[in-house]
Amino acid sequence: MLQFTPLPKLFKCLALLLLAIAATGCSVMDKTRTPVQLDAGAKWVILPIANHTETPQAGLRAEVILESLLRQRGLQTLVRPPALQAGDLMGDLPDRKVQQDAQRWAAEQGIRYAVTGAVDEWRYKVGVDGEPAVGLVLQVIDLGSGSVVWTATGARSGWSREALSAVGQKLMRDLLGDLSLR
């Protein structure tokens, strides 16, 4: 009598392979970075983050998370422009003029580095699962020269029960991982 049992083992392997493929499809990461070492002891400012989404105040949400993550990285001389400290609860900041005004204010204050960027996606995807999706660009500008000295771009989606802010925080933490501070 011939007995053949590898078939259930084969099904288990295929099921695990399909599960692994499905899991990687739920979380997407695409990023580019420019490595550089920046002075953590210098004065830093968070400039407005542009909101290129249909989600109200996505830029402001990203700014709050970014500030916390930068402080965790050791930037204790991090400030916000006065107009942003008061907040704008009714509308979305920033537009180009607000960005330029904030950058000019920071340069007048003798601040060395400005962190800014843009939110390109900050939403729950439409569909049965409604996965959170975040896409953003971060930049560090040397206010003395006006040049961008570090940049990172990324996109990430999460699981259907994951919070949108958690996905944004994971993405920003990952992108900031290559921001070398001395």
C-alpha atoms as a PDB file:
ATOM      1  CA  MET A   1       0.000   0.000   0.000  1.00  0.00           C
ATOM      2  CA  LEU A   2       1.398   3.352  -1.046  1.00  0.00           C
ATOM      3  CA  GLN A   3       1.054   6.219   1.346  1.00  0.00           C
ATOM      4  CA  PHE A   4       1.646   9.842   0.233  1.00  0.00           C
ATOM      5  CA  THR A   5       1.549  12.528   2.949  1.00  0.00           C
ATOM      6  CA  PRO A   6       3.645  15.460   1.591  1.00  0.00           C
ATOM      7  CA  LEU A   7       0.551  17.040   0.050  1.00  0.00           C
ATOM      8  CA  PRO A   8      -0.717  18.606   3.317  1.00  0.00           C
ATOM      9  CA  LYS A   9       2.807  19.920   3.959  1.00  0.00           C
ATOM     10  CA  LEU A  10       2.800  21.477   0.484  1.00  0.00           C
ATOM     11  CA  PHE A  11      -0.557  23.166   1.196  1.00  0.00           C
ATOM     12  CA  LYS A  12       0.801  24.549   4.463  1.00  0.00           C
ATOM     13  CA  CYS A  13       3.841  26.002   2.682  1.00  0.00           C
ATOM     14  CA  LEU A  14       1.653  27.554  -0.021  1.00  0.00           C
ATOM     15  CA  ALA A  15      -0.701  29.004   2.582  1.00  0.00           C
ATOM     16  CA  LEU A  16       2.229  30.564   4.464  1.00  0.00           C
ATOM     17  CA  LEU A  17       3.643  31.956   1.223  1.00  0.00           C
ATOM     18  CA  LEU A  18       0.293  33.516   0.297  1.00  0.00           C
ATOM     19  CA  LEU A  19      -0.062  34.960   3.791  1.00  0.00           C
ATOM     20  CA  ALA A  20       3.404  36.516   3.554  1.00  0.00           C
ATOM     21  CA  ILE A  21       2.591  38.037   0.159  1.00  0.00           C
ATOM     22  CA  ALA A  22      -0.708  39.426   1.486  1.00  0.00           C
ATOM     23  CA  ALA A  23       1.023  40.917   4.526  1.00  0.00           C
ATOM     24  CA  THR A  24       3.619  42.729   2.435  1.00  0.00           C
ATOM     25  CA  GLY A  25       0.871  44.108   0.211  1.00  0.00           C
ATOM     26  CA  CYS A  26      -0.703  45.908   3.177  1.00  0.00           C
ATOM     27  CA  SER A  27       2.369  47.896   4.095  1.00  0.00           C
ATOM     28  CA  VAL A  28       4.190  49.813   1.392  1.00  0.00           C
ATOM     29  CA  MET A  29       7.335  51.842   1.934  1.00  0.00           C
ATOM     30  CA  ASP A  30       9.046  53.912  -0.694  1.00  0.00           C
ATOM     31  CA  LYS A  31      11.678  56.384   0.377  1.00  0.00           C
ATOM     32  CA  THR A  32      14.655  58.315  -0.856  1.00  0.00           C
ATOM     33  CA  ARG A  33      17.103  60.127   1.358  1.00  0.00           C
ATOM     34  CA  THR A  34      20.092  62.416   1.186  1.00  0.00           C
ATOM     35  CA  PRO A  35      22.594  61.560   3.958  1.00  0.00           C
ATOM     36  CA  VAL A  36      24.245  64.473   5.808  1.00  0.00           C
ATOM     37  CA  GLN A  37      25.372  65.263   9.370  1.00  0.00           C
ATOM     38  CA  LEU A  38      23.735  68.296  10.988  1.00  0.00           C
ATOM     39  CA  ASP A  39      24.434  70.132  14.241  1.00  0.00           C
ATOM     40  CA  ALA A  40      21.913  69.047  16.883  1.00  0.00           C
ATOM     41  CA  GLY A  41      23.055  71.867  19.179  1.00  0.00           C
ATOM     42  CA  ALA A  42      22.123  74.571  16.661  1.00  0.00           C
ATOM     43  CA  LYS A  43      18.771  76.356  16.760  1.00  0.00           C
ATOM     44  CA  TRP A  44      16.053  74.557  14.797  1.00  0.00           C
ATOM     45  CA  VAL A  45      12.555  75.590  13.718  1.00  0.00           C
ATOM     46  CA  ILE A  46       9.599  73.659  12.340  1.00  0.00           C
ATOM     47  CA  LEU A  47       8.179  75.615   9.434  1.00  0.00           C
ATOM     48  CA  PRO A  48       4.653  74.995   8.171  1.00  0.00           C
ATOM     49  CA  ILE A  49       4.123  71.693   6.387  1.00  0.00           C
ATOM     50  CA  ALA A  50       2.089  72.123   3.216  1.00  0.00           C
ATOM     51  CA  ASN A  51      -1.143  70.190   2.940  1.00  0.00           C
ATOM     52  CA  HIS A  52      -1.574  68.850  -0.596  1.00  0.00           C
ATOM     53  CA  THR A  53      -4.434  66.578   0.438  1.00  0.00           C
ATOM     54  CA  GLU A  54      -8.179  66.903   0.778  1.00  0.00           C
ATOM     55  CA  THR A  55      -7.893  66.108   4.495  1.00  0.00           C
ATOM     56  CA  PRO A  56      -8.322  69.250   6.620  1.00  0.00           C
ATOM     57  CA  GLN A  57      -5.277  70.185   8.705  1.00  0.00           C
ATOM     58  CA  ALA A  58      -3.164  67.221   7.571  1.00  0.00           C
ATOM     59  CA  GLY A  59      -0.101  69.483   7.524  1.00  0.00           C
ATOM     60  CA  LEU A  60      -0.736  70.608  11.100  1.00  0.00           C
ATOM     61  CA  ARG A  61      -1.176  67.009  12.234  1.00  0.00           C
ATOM     62  CA  ALA A  62       2.122  66.069  10.620  1.00  0.00           C
ATOM     63  CA  GLU A  63       3.869  69.048  12.259  1.00  0.00           C
ATOM     64  CA  VAL A  64       2.821  67.968  15.760  1.00  0.00           C
ATOM     65  CA  ILE A  65       4.066  64.412  15.220  1.00  0.00           C
ATOM     66  CA  LEU A  66       7.269  65.688  13.602  1.00  0.00           C
ATOM     67  CA  GLU A  67       7.989  68.011  16.525  1.00  0.00           C
ATOM     68  CA  SER A  68       7.674  65.167  19.010  1.00  0.00           C
ATOM     69  CA  LEU A  69       9.913  62.867  16.982  1.00  0.00           C
ATOM     70  CA  LEU A  70      12.582  65.552  16.529  1.00  0.00           C
ATOM     71  CA  ARG A  71      12.620  66.269  20.261  1.00  0.00           C
ATOM     72  CA  GLN A  72      13.040  62.545  20.891  1.00  0.00           C
ATOM     73  CA  ARG A  73      16.059  62.656  18.571  1.00  0.00           C
ATOM     74  CA  GLY A  74      17.637  65.286  20.838  1.00  0.00           C
ATOM     75  CA  LEU A  75      16.667  68.620  19.275  1.00  0.00           C
ATOM     76  CA  GLN A  76      15.900  70.613  22.416  1.00  0.00           C
ATOM     77  CA  THR A  77      16.367  74.043  20.776  1.00  0.00           C
ATOM     78  CA  LEU A  78      13.417  73.416  18.476  1.00  0.00           C
ATOM     79  CA  VAL A  79      10.958  76.330  18.121  1.00  0.00           C
ATOM     80  CA  ARG A  80       7.837  77.160  16.144  1.00  0.00           C
ATOM     81  CA  PRO A  81       7.133  80.488  14.423  1.00  0.00           C
ATOM     82  CA  PRO A  82       4.807  82.748  16.479  1.00  0.00           C
ATOM     83  CA  ALA A  83       1.960  82.593  13.945  1.00  0.00           C
ATOM     84  CA  LEU A  84       1.888  78.804  14.306  1.00  0.00           C
ATOM     85  CA  GLN A  85       1.970  78.860  18.078  1.00  0.00           C
ATOM     86  CA  ALA A  86      -1.332  80.734  18.079  1.00  0.00           C
ATOM     87  CA  GLY A  87      -2.699  78.208  15.585  1.00  0.00           C
ATOM     88  CA  ASP A  88      -5.283  78.494  12.875  1.00  0.00           C
ATOM     89  CA  LEU A  89      -8.102  76.191  13.835  1.00  0.00           C
ATOM     90  CA  MET A  90     -10.467  77.274  11.078  1.00  0.00           C
ATOM     91  CA  GLY A  91      -8.253  76.965   8.027  1.00  0.00           C
ATOM     92  CA  ASP A  92      -5.347  75.043   6.652  1.00  0.00           C
ATOM     93  CA  LEU A  93      -1.850  76.366   6.975  1.00  0.00           C
ATOM     94  CA  PRO A  94       0.332  76.861   5.077  1.00  0.00           C
ATOM     95  CA  ASP A  95       0.174  78.598   1.777  1.00  0.00           C
ATOM     96  CA  ARG A  96       3.307  79.829   0.028  1.00  0.00           C
ATOM     97  CA  LYS A  97       3.217  83.255   1.718  1.00  0.00           C
ATOM     98  CA  VAL A  98       2.886  81.778   5.215  1.00  0.00           C
ATOM     99  CA  GLN A  99       5.829  79.479   4.435  1.00  0.00           C
ATOM    100  CA  GLN A 100       7.976  82.375   3.215  1.00  0.00           C
ATOM    101  CA  ASP A 101       7.036  84.589   6.178  1.00  0.00           C
ATOM    102  CA  ALA A 102       7.878  81.819   8.647  1.00  0.00           C
ATOM    103  CA  GLN A 103      11.220  81.163   6.940  1.00  0.00           C
ATOM    104  CA  ARG A 104      12.068  84.885   6.964  1.00  0.00           C
ATOM    105  CA  TRP A 105      11.155  85.119  10.680  1.00  0.00           C
ATOM    106  CA  ALA A 106      13.372  82.112  11.473  1.00  0.00           C
ATOM    107  CA  ALA A 107      16.346  83.584   9.603  1.00  0.00           C
ATOM    108  CA  GLU A 108      15.912  86.905  11.481  1.00  0.00           C
ATOM    109  CA  GLN A 109      15.988  84.998  14.782  1.00  0.00           C
ATOM    110  CA  GLY A 110      19.368  83.467  13.936  1.00  0.00           C
ATOM    111  CA  ILE A 111      17.951  79.963  13.610  1.00  0.00           C
ATOM    112  CA  ARG A 112      20.276  77.653  11.704  1.00  0.00           C
ATOM    113  CA  TYR A 113      18.031  74.850  10.420  1.00  0.00           C
ATOM    114  CA  ALA A 114      14.394  74.750   9.352  1.00  0.00           C
ATOM    115  CA  VAL A 115      12.400  71.531   9.011  1.00  0.00           C
ATOM    116  CA  THR A 116       9.513  71.658   6.577  1.00  0.00           C
ATOM    117  CA  GLY A 117       7.800  69.525   3.985  1.00  0.00           C
ATOM    118  CA  ALA A 118       4.531  68.559   2.400  1.00  0.00           C
ATOM    119  CA  VAL A 119       1.812  66.005   3.060  1.00  0.00           C
ATOM    120  CA  ASP A 120       0.706  64.407  -0.204  1.00  0.00           C
ATOM    121  CA  GLU A 121      -1.599  61.760   1.285  1.00  0.00           C
ATOM    122  CA  TRP A 122      -3.245  61.544   4.699  1.00  0.00           C
ATOM    123  CA  ARG A 123      -6.425  59.501   4.532  1.00  0.00           C
ATOM    124  CA  TYR A 124      -8.203  56.220   4.948  1.00  0.00           C
ATOM    125  CA  LYS A 125      -8.486  54.467   1.597  1.00  0.00           C
ATOM    126  CA  VAL A 126     -11.967  53.914   0.235  1.00  0.00           C
ATOM    127  CA  GLY A 127     -13.115  50.312   0.350  1.00  0.00           C
ATOM    128  CA  VAL A 128     -14.102  47.511   2.627  1.00  0.00           C
ATOM    129  CA  ASP A 129     -10.970  47.609   4.770  1.00  0.00           C
ATOM    130  CA  GLY A 130     -10.316  51.374   4.732  1.00  0.00           C
ATOM    131  CA  GLU A 131      -6.558  51.140   5.256  1.00  0.00           C
ATOM    132  CA  PRO A 132      -4.757  54.285   6.437  1.00  0.00           C
ATOM    133  CA  ALA A 133      -2.351  55.788   3.895  1.00  0.00           C
ATOM    134  CA  VAL A 134       0.254  58.516   4.373  1.00  0.00           C
ATOM    135  CA  GLY A 135       2.630  60.112   1.887  1.00  0.00           C
ATOM    136  CA  LEU A 136       4.958  62.967   2.699  1.00  0.00           C
ATOM    137  CA  VAL A 137       8.147  64.847   1.959  1.00  0.00           C
ATOM    138  CA  LEU A 138      10.442  66.180   4.681  1.00  0.00           C
ATOM    139  CA  GLN A 139      13.228  68.726   4.181  1.00  0.00           C
ATOM    140  CA  VAL A 140      15.848  70.437   6.286  1.00  0.00           C
ATOM    141  CA  ILE A 141      16.883  73.878   5.035  1.00  0.00           C
ATOM    142  CA  ASP A 142      20.094  75.615   6.098  1.00  0.00           C
ATOM    143  CA  LEU A 143      18.699  79.112   6.666  1.00  0.00           C
ATOM    144  CA  GLY A 144      22.152  80.690   6.303  1.00  0.00           C
ATOM    145  CA  SER A 145      22.524  79.545   2.709  1.00  0.00           C
ATOM    146  CA  GLY A 146      18.862  78.884   1.903  1.00  0.00           C
ATOM    147  CA  SER A 147      19.745  75.457   0.520  1.00  0.00           C
ATOM    148  CA  VAL A 148      18.038  72.161   1.231  1.00  0.00           C
ATOM    149  CA  VAL A 149      20.652  70.060   3.066  1.00  0.00           C
ATOM    150  CA  TRP A 150      18.547  66.941   3.744  1.00  0.00           C
ATOM    151  CA  THR A 151      15.424  65.512   2.218  1.00  0.00           C
ATOM    152  CA  ALA A 152      13.356  62.356   2.583  1.00  0.00           C
ATOM    153  CA  THR A 153      10.268  61.153   0.754  1.00  0.00           C
ATOM    154  CA  GLY A 154       8.065  58.273   1.737  1.00  0.00           C
ATOM    155  CA  ALA A 155       4.702  56.608   1.523  1.00  0.00           C
ATOM    156  CA  ARG A 156       3.175  54.006   3.764  1.00  0.00           C
ATOM    157  CA  SER A 157      -0.130  52.253   4.182  1.00  0.00           C
ATOM    158  CA  GLY A 158      -1.274  50.302   7.195  1.00  0.00           C
ATOM    159  CA  TRP A 159      -3.764  47.700   8.277  1.00  0.00           C
ATOM    160  CA  SER A 160      -7.474  48.439   8.372  1.00  0.00           C
ATOM    161  CA  ARG A 161      -7.623  48.732  12.171  1.00  0.00           C
ATOM    162  CA  GLU A 162      -4.488  50.879  12.432  1.00  0.00           C
ATOM    163  CA  ALA A 163      -4.773  54.581  13.247  1.00  0.00           C
ATOM    164  CA  LEU A 164      -3.866  57.054  10.538  1.00  0.00           C
ATOM    165  CA  SER A 165      -1.648  59.011  12.928  1.00  0.00           C
ATOM    166  CA  ALA A 166       0.192  55.796  13.874  1.00  0.00           C
ATOM    167  CA  VAL A 167       1.012  55.123  10.214  1.00  0.00           C
ATOM    168  CA  GLY A 168       2.183  58.729   9.828  1.00  0.00           C
ATOM    169  CA  GLN A 169       4.331  58.446  12.939  1.00  0.00           C
ATOM    170  CA  LYS A 170       5.930  55.191  11.744  1.00  0.00           C
ATOM    171  CA  LEU A 171       6.692  56.733   8.361  1.00  0.00           C
ATOM    172  CA  MET A 172       8.215  59.890   9.855  1.00  0.00           C
ATOM    173  CA  ARG A 173      10.262  57.919  12.378  1.00  0.00           C
ATOM    174  CA  ASP A 174      11.620  55.766   9.577  1.00  0.00           C
ATOM    175  CA  LEU A 175      12.436  58.746   7.370  1.00  0.00           C
ATOM    176  CA  LEU A 176      14.101  60.642  10.240  1.00  0.00           C
ATOM    177  CA  GLY A 177      16.220  57.575  10.992  1.00  0.00           C
ATOM    178  CA  ASP A 178      18.761  58.736   8.415  1.00  0.00           C
ATOM    179  CA  LEU A 179      18.913  62.310   9.697  1.00  0.00           C
ATOM    180  CA  SER A 180      22.405  62.255  11.180  1.00  0.00           C
ATOM    181  CA  LEU A 181      22.815  64.646  14.085  1.00  0.00           C
ATOM    182  CA  ARG A 182      26.117  65.401  15.769  1.00  0.00           C
END
